Structure formats: structure tokens, C-alpha cells
Amino acid sequence: MEDPNREIKRKQVNSYVRYTGLFFQMFVIIGVFAFVGSTLDGHQGTRQPYYTAGLALLGVVVAIYQVLKEVNQLNKPKS
């Protein structure tokens, strides 16, 4: 029989790893959107970084949506 404390620690570590993965996922999504915006600003020759700001903001919205979707899925009771 397994030790109940060991099972609790394993679940805690799994949760930590999952949420750390979500952080990196957010970071990558926002970074990609900001990079595309920066590239568009450079290509269009805009004086102000409108594409960078707009796409970075859109990246934040997409990342928050993705994280909320994942967290809801992780916290769903298993049937």
C-alpha cells in the first residue's frame, strides 16, 4: 500500500507543474503576438508602435482566455 502523504505530495507537485506550464504558455502567446506586431510596425514603417501595442493586448486577452479554459478543465471533477 502506498503512503497517503506521498500521494498528496505527488498531487501537489503535479498541480505545480501544470500551473507553471500555463505561465509559460501565457508568456509564449503574448510574446508571439507582440513579435508579430513589432514586425508589422517595422514593415509598415509606423511612427508609433500601434501594431505592437494592439497585438500585445490581443495576446493578453487570448492568453487569459486560454488559461481560464485550462484551469476550468483541470478543476473539473472527474466522473
N, C-alpha and C. Protein backbone atom coordinates (compact mmCIF):
# COMPACT_ATOMS: atom_id res chain seq x y z
N MET A 1 0.83 -1.19 0.00
CA MET A 1 0.00 0.00 0.00
C MET A 1 0.87 1.26 0.00
N GLU A 2 0.42 2.23 -0.74
CA GLU A 2 1.18 3.47 -0.80
C GLU A 2 0.88 4.36 0.39
N ASP A 3 1.86 5.16 0.71
CA ASP A 3 1.72 6.12 1.80
C ASP A 3 0.80 7.25 1.36
N PRO A 4 -0.27 7.57 2.15
CA PRO A 4 -1.19 8.66 1.75
C PRO A 4 -0.50 10.02 1.63
N ASN A 5 0.50 10.26 2.47
CA ASN A 5 1.22 11.54 2.39
C ASN A 5 1.98 11.67 1.08
N ARG A 6 2.49 10.56 0.59
CA ARG A 6 3.22 10.58 -0.67
C ARG A 6 2.28 10.90 -1.83
N GLU A 7 1.07 10.36 -1.77
CA GLU A 7 0.07 10.64 -2.82
C GLU A 7 -0.32 12.11 -2.81
N ILE A 8 -0.47 12.70 -1.64
CA ILE A 8 -0.81 14.12 -1.52
C ILE A 8 0.32 14.98 -2.09
N LYS A 9 1.57 14.63 -1.76
CA LYS A 9 2.71 15.39 -2.29
C LYS A 9 2.79 15.28 -3.80
N ARG A 10 2.51 14.09 -4.34
CA ARG A 10 2.54 13.89 -5.79
C ARG A 10 1.50 14.77 -6.47
N LYS A 11 0.30 14.86 -5.89
CA LYS A 11 -0.74 15.70 -6.47
C LYS A 11 -0.35 17.18 -6.41
N GLN A 12 0.30 17.57 -5.33
CA GLN A 12 0.75 18.96 -5.21
C GLN A 12 1.80 19.29 -6.27
N VAL A 13 2.73 18.37 -6.48
CA VAL A 13 3.77 18.59 -7.48
C VAL A 13 3.15 18.64 -8.88
N ASN A 14 2.20 17.75 -9.15
CA ASN A 14 1.53 17.76 -10.46
C ASN A 14 0.82 19.08 -10.70
N SER A 15 0.14 19.61 -9.68
CA SER A 15 -0.54 20.90 -9.82
C SER A 15 0.47 22.01 -10.08
N TYR A 16 1.58 21.98 -9.36
CA TYR A 16 2.62 22.99 -9.54
C TYR A 16 3.15 22.97 -10.97
N VAL A 17 3.42 21.79 -11.48
CA VAL A 17 3.95 21.66 -12.83
C VAL A 17 2.93 22.13 -13.86
N ARG A 18 1.67 21.79 -13.67
CA ARG A 18 0.63 22.22 -14.61
C ARG A 18 0.49 23.73 -14.65
N TYR A 19 0.46 24.36 -13.48
CA TYR A 19 0.28 25.81 -13.45
C TYR A 19 1.53 26.54 -13.92
N THR A 20 2.70 25.97 -13.71
CA THR A 20 3.91 26.55 -14.25
C THR A 20 3.89 26.48 -15.77
N GLY A 21 3.39 25.38 -16.30
CA GLY A 21 3.24 25.24 -17.75
C GLY A 21 2.29 26.27 -18.31
N LEU A 22 1.23 26.57 -17.57
CA LEU A 22 0.28 27.60 -18.02
C LEU A 22 0.94 28.98 -18.07
N PHE A 23 1.83 29.25 -17.09
CA PHE A 23 2.55 30.52 -17.10
C PHE A 23 3.39 30.65 -18.37
N PHE A 24 4.13 29.60 -18.71
CA PHE A 24 4.97 29.66 -19.90
C PHE A 24 4.12 29.74 -21.17
N GLN A 25 2.96 29.09 -21.15
CA GLN A 25 2.06 29.18 -22.29
C GLN A 25 1.59 30.62 -22.49
N MET A 26 1.23 31.30 -21.40
CA MET A 26 0.83 32.71 -21.49
C MET A 26 1.98 33.56 -22.02
N PHE A 27 3.15 33.32 -21.51
CA PHE A 27 4.34 34.08 -21.90
C PHE A 27 4.59 33.94 -23.40
N VAL A 28 4.48 32.74 -23.92
CA VAL A 28 4.73 32.49 -25.34
C VAL A 28 3.65 33.14 -26.20
N ILE A 29 2.39 33.01 -25.80
CA ILE A 29 1.30 33.60 -26.58
C ILE A 29 1.47 35.11 -26.69
N ILE A 30 1.70 35.77 -25.56
CA ILE A 30 1.85 37.22 -25.56
C ILE A 30 3.10 37.61 -26.35
N GLY A 31 4.17 36.86 -26.18
CA GLY A 31 5.41 37.15 -26.90
C GLY A 31 5.26 37.04 -28.40
N VAL A 32 4.56 36.01 -28.85
CA VAL A 32 4.36 35.82 -30.29
C VAL A 32 3.52 36.96 -30.87
N PHE A 33 2.45 37.33 -30.17
CA PHE A 33 1.61 38.42 -30.65
C PHE A 33 2.40 39.74 -30.69
N ALA A 34 3.20 40.01 -29.65
CA ALA A 34 4.00 41.23 -29.63
C ALA A 34 5.06 41.22 -30.72
N PHE A 35 5.67 40.07 -30.97
CA PHE A 35 6.68 39.96 -32.03
C PHE A 35 6.06 40.22 -33.40
N VAL A 36 4.90 39.65 -33.64
CA VAL A 36 4.22 39.88 -34.93
C VAL A 36 3.87 41.35 -35.07
N GLY A 37 3.40 41.97 -33.99
CA GLY A 37 3.08 43.40 -34.03
C GLY A 37 4.31 44.24 -34.30
N SER A 38 5.41 43.89 -33.68
CA SER A 38 6.66 44.62 -33.89
C SER A 38 7.14 44.47 -35.34
N THR A 39 7.01 43.26 -35.86
CA THR A 39 7.38 43.03 -37.25
C THR A 39 6.51 43.84 -38.20
N LEU A 40 5.21 43.88 -37.93
CA LEU A 40 4.31 44.68 -38.76
C LEU A 40 4.64 46.17 -38.67
N ASP A 41 4.94 46.65 -37.46
CA ASP A 41 5.33 48.05 -37.31
C ASP A 41 6.59 48.36 -38.12
N GLY A 42 7.56 47.45 -38.09
CA GLY A 42 8.79 47.66 -38.84
C GLY A 42 8.55 47.63 -40.35
N HIS A 43 7.69 46.73 -40.77
CA HIS A 43 7.41 46.59 -42.20
C HIS A 43 6.59 47.79 -42.72
N GLN A 44 5.64 48.25 -41.93
CA GLN A 44 4.80 49.37 -42.33
C GLN A 44 5.49 50.72 -42.13
N GLY A 45 6.50 50.75 -41.28
CA GLY A 45 7.22 52.00 -41.02
C GLY A 45 6.41 52.98 -40.20
N THR A 46 5.59 52.49 -39.28
CA THR A 46 4.77 53.38 -38.46
C THR A 46 5.64 54.14 -37.46
N ARG A 47 5.21 55.37 -37.15
CA ARG A 47 5.97 56.19 -36.20
C ARG A 47 5.72 55.73 -34.76
N GLN A 48 4.52 55.32 -34.47
CA GLN A 48 4.15 54.81 -33.15
C GLN A 48 3.92 53.30 -33.25
N PRO A 49 4.23 52.55 -32.21
CA PRO A 49 4.08 51.09 -32.29
C PRO A 49 2.63 50.63 -32.07
N TYR A 50 1.76 51.04 -32.97
CA TYR A 50 0.34 50.70 -32.83
C TYR A 50 0.09 49.20 -32.99
N TYR A 51 0.73 48.59 -33.96
CA TYR A 51 0.54 47.16 -34.15
C TYR A 51 1.07 46.37 -32.96
N THR A 52 2.21 46.77 -32.47
CA THR A 52 2.80 46.07 -31.32
C THR A 52 1.88 46.17 -30.11
N ALA A 53 1.42 47.37 -29.82
CA ALA A 53 0.55 47.56 -28.66
C ALA A 53 -0.77 46.82 -28.83
N GLY A 54 -1.36 46.95 -30.00
CA GLY A 54 -2.66 46.31 -30.24
C GLY A 54 -2.58 44.80 -30.20
N LEU A 55 -1.58 44.24 -30.87
CA LEU A 55 -1.46 42.79 -30.90
C LEU A 55 -0.99 42.23 -29.55
N ALA A 56 -0.17 42.97 -28.82
CA ALA A 56 0.22 42.52 -27.48
C ALA A 56 -1.01 42.48 -26.57
N LEU A 57 -1.86 43.48 -26.67
CA LEU A 57 -3.09 43.49 -25.89
C LEU A 57 -4.01 42.34 -26.29
N LEU A 58 -4.12 42.10 -27.58
CA LEU A 58 -4.90 40.96 -28.06
C LEU A 58 -4.30 39.64 -27.56
N GLY A 59 -2.97 39.57 -27.52
CA GLY A 59 -2.30 38.39 -26.98
C GLY A 59 -2.61 38.16 -25.52
N VAL A 60 -2.70 39.24 -24.74
CA VAL A 60 -3.07 39.10 -23.32
C VAL A 60 -4.48 38.54 -23.20
N VAL A 61 -5.40 39.05 -24.00
CA VAL A 61 -6.79 38.56 -23.95
C VAL A 61 -6.85 37.08 -24.34
N VAL A 62 -6.15 36.72 -25.41
CA VAL A 62 -6.14 35.32 -25.84
C VAL A 62 -5.50 34.43 -24.78
N ALA A 63 -4.41 34.88 -24.17
CA ALA A 63 -3.72 34.10 -23.15
C ALA A 63 -4.60 33.92 -21.91
N ILE A 64 -5.29 34.96 -21.49
CA ILE A 64 -6.18 34.85 -20.33
C ILE A 64 -7.32 33.89 -20.63
N TYR A 65 -7.88 33.98 -21.82
CA TYR A 65 -8.94 33.05 -22.22
C TYR A 65 -8.43 31.61 -22.19
N GLN A 66 -7.25 31.39 -22.74
CA GLN A 66 -6.67 30.05 -22.79
C GLN A 66 -6.42 29.51 -21.38
N VAL A 67 -5.88 30.34 -20.50
CA VAL A 67 -5.60 29.92 -19.13
C VAL A 67 -6.89 29.61 -18.39
N LEU A 68 -7.90 30.45 -18.53
CA LEU A 68 -9.18 30.19 -17.86
C LEU A 68 -9.80 28.88 -18.36
N LYS A 69 -9.69 28.63 -19.63
CA LYS A 69 -10.21 27.39 -20.20
C LYS A 69 -9.46 26.18 -19.61
N GLU A 70 -8.15 26.26 -19.53
CA GLU A 70 -7.35 25.17 -18.99
C GLU A 70 -7.61 24.96 -17.50
N VAL A 71 -7.71 26.04 -16.74
CA VAL A 71 -7.95 25.93 -15.30
C VAL A 71 -9.32 25.31 -15.04
N ASN A 72 -10.32 25.71 -15.80
CA ASN A 72 -11.64 25.10 -15.64
C ASN A 72 -11.61 23.62 -15.96
N GLN A 73 -10.83 23.25 -16.97
CA GLN A 73 -10.72 21.84 -17.34
C GLN A 73 -9.96 21.06 -16.27
N LEU A 74 -8.93 21.65 -15.67
CA LEU A 74 -8.16 20.98 -14.63
C LEU A 74 -8.97 20.80 -13.36
N ASN A 75 -9.84 21.76 -13.05
CA ASN A 75 -10.61 21.71 -11.82
C ASN A 75 -11.93 20.98 -11.95
N LYS A 76 -12.23 20.49 -13.13
CA LYS A 76 -13.46 19.73 -13.33
C LYS A 76 -13.40 18.43 -12.55
N PRO A 77 -14.47 18.10 -11.84
CA PRO A 77 -14.45 16.81 -11.13
C PRO A 77 -14.46 15.66 -12.13
N LYS A 78 -13.66 14.66 -11.84
CA LYS A 78 -13.57 13.51 -12.74
C LYS A 78 -14.72 12.56 -12.45
N SER A 79 -15.39 12.14 -13.52
CA SER A 79 -16.54 11.25 -13.36
C SER A 79 -16.12 9.82 -13.45
